[in-house]
Protein backbone atom coordinates (compact mmCIF):
# COMPACT_ATOMS: atom_id res chain seq x y z
CA MET A 1 1.67 14.72 -17.09
CA PHE A 2 -0.75 13.76 -14.33
CA ASP A 3 -1.16 16.03 -11.35
CA SER A 4 -2.72 15.35 -7.98
CA SER A 5 -6.30 16.46 -7.80
CA SER A 6 -8.97 16.81 -5.19
CA SER A 7 -12.71 16.40 -5.11
CA THR A 8 -15.40 17.46 -2.68
CA THR A 9 -17.87 14.94 -1.32
CA GLY A 10 -20.43 16.02 1.24
CA GLY A 11 -18.35 19.01 2.33
CA ARG A 12 -15.20 16.91 2.64
CA ILE A 13 -12.14 17.31 0.42
CA ARG A 14 -10.52 14.09 -0.72
CA VAL A 15 -7.03 14.40 -2.19
CA THR A 16 -6.20 11.80 -4.82
CA THR A 17 -2.82 10.68 -6.01
CA PRO A 18 -2.00 9.55 -9.53
CA GLY A 19 -1.21 5.86 -10.03
CA ILE A 20 -0.88 3.26 -7.30
CA PRO A 21 -0.38 4.89 -3.89
CA ILE A 22 2.48 3.65 -1.70
CA LYS A 23 2.46 6.10 1.19
CA CYS A 24 -0.04 8.62 2.52
CA TRP A 25 0.81 12.27 3.17
CA CYS A 26 1.06 11.30 6.88
CA VAL A 27 3.95 8.94 5.92
CA GLU A 28 1.95 5.79 6.78
CA ARG A 29 2.04 2.92 4.33
CA ILE A 30 -1.02 2.03 2.28
CA LYS A 31 -3.13 -1.05 2.96
CA GLU A 32 -5.15 -2.95 0.34
CA LEU A 33 -8.65 -3.84 1.55
CA ILE A 34 -11.97 -5.18 0.23
CA SER A 35 -15.16 -3.14 0.43
CA LYS A 36 -18.04 -4.73 2.31
CA THR A 37 -20.62 -2.06 1.52
CA ASN A 38 -23.81 -2.68 -0.44
CA LEU A 39 -22.83 0.04 -2.92
CA ASN A 40 -19.42 -1.50 -3.79
CA PRO A 41 -19.44 -5.12 -2.57
CA TYR A 42 -16.09 -6.95 -2.82
CA ARG A 43 -14.41 -4.03 -4.60
CA TRP A 44 -10.71 -3.69 -3.75
CA TYR A 45 -9.34 -0.35 -2.52
CA TYR A 46 -6.20 1.25 -1.11
CA ARG A 47 -6.41 3.02 2.27
CA CYS A 48 -3.96 4.68 4.62
CA ARG A 49 -3.31 2.34 7.59
CA TYR A 50 -3.44 5.20 10.06
CA ALA A 51 -6.70 6.92 9.09
CA PRO A 52 -9.38 4.39 10.05
CA GLN A 53 -8.09 4.02 13.61
CA ARG A 54 -7.14 7.48 14.83
CA LYS A 55 -7.49 11.18 14.32
CA VAL A 56 -4.35 12.96 13.23
CA PRO A 57 -2.87 15.74 15.38
CA ILE A 58 -1.78 18.71 13.29
CA GLU A 59 -0.38 21.80 15.02
CA GLY A 60 -2.09 20.94 18.32
CA PHE A 61 -5.53 20.24 16.83
CA LEU A 62 -7.23 16.94 16.13
CA THR A 63 -8.40 16.75 12.55
CA LYS A 64 -10.77 14.34 10.86
CA ASN A 65 -9.44 11.49 8.75
CA GLU A 66 -11.07 12.35 5.42
CA ASN A 67 -7.88 13.61 3.76
CA HIS A 68 -5.90 10.39 4.06
CA ILE A 69 -5.33 8.28 0.96
CA PHE A 70 -8.29 6.30 -0.35
CA LYS A 71 -8.32 4.97 -3.90
CA TRP A 72 -10.09 2.17 -5.72
CA VAL A 73 -7.62 -0.41 -7.03
CA ASP A 74 -9.12 -0.49 -10.54
CA GLU A 75 -8.81 3.31 -10.80
CA ALA A 76 -5.20 3.15 -9.57
CA PHE A 77 -4.29 0.59 -12.24
CA THR A 78 -5.98 2.68 -14.94
CA ASP A 79 -3.93 5.70 -13.81
CA GLU A 80 -0.71 3.63 -13.91
CA ILE A 81 -1.45 2.43 -17.46
CA GLN A 82 -2.17 5.99 -18.62
CA GLN A 83 1.09 7.21 -17.08
CA LEU A 84 3.06 4.45 -18.81
CA ASP A 85 1.31 5.19 -22.08
CA TYR A 86 2.23 8.86 -21.74
CA GLN A 87 5.89 7.96 -21.07
CA VAL A 88 6.08 5.71 -24.12
């Protein structure tokens, strides 16, 4: 079985979800976008619709957006295939 995991990048914790994400923990739907960076040009990714625009209020504090869903599409499809393989 696949569990959610997290990784640390530059002091930030990024929570990942197995498979293709549909909704973020903040209940916003996921958007599919194309990277325009030099490091990953034209690479498709999933991103929470809410995170790029605003900071999220939690218990009266404004938090940074690093913990919203972000996942490369190719990695999401690989996860989905592995989950299906496990079920079969």
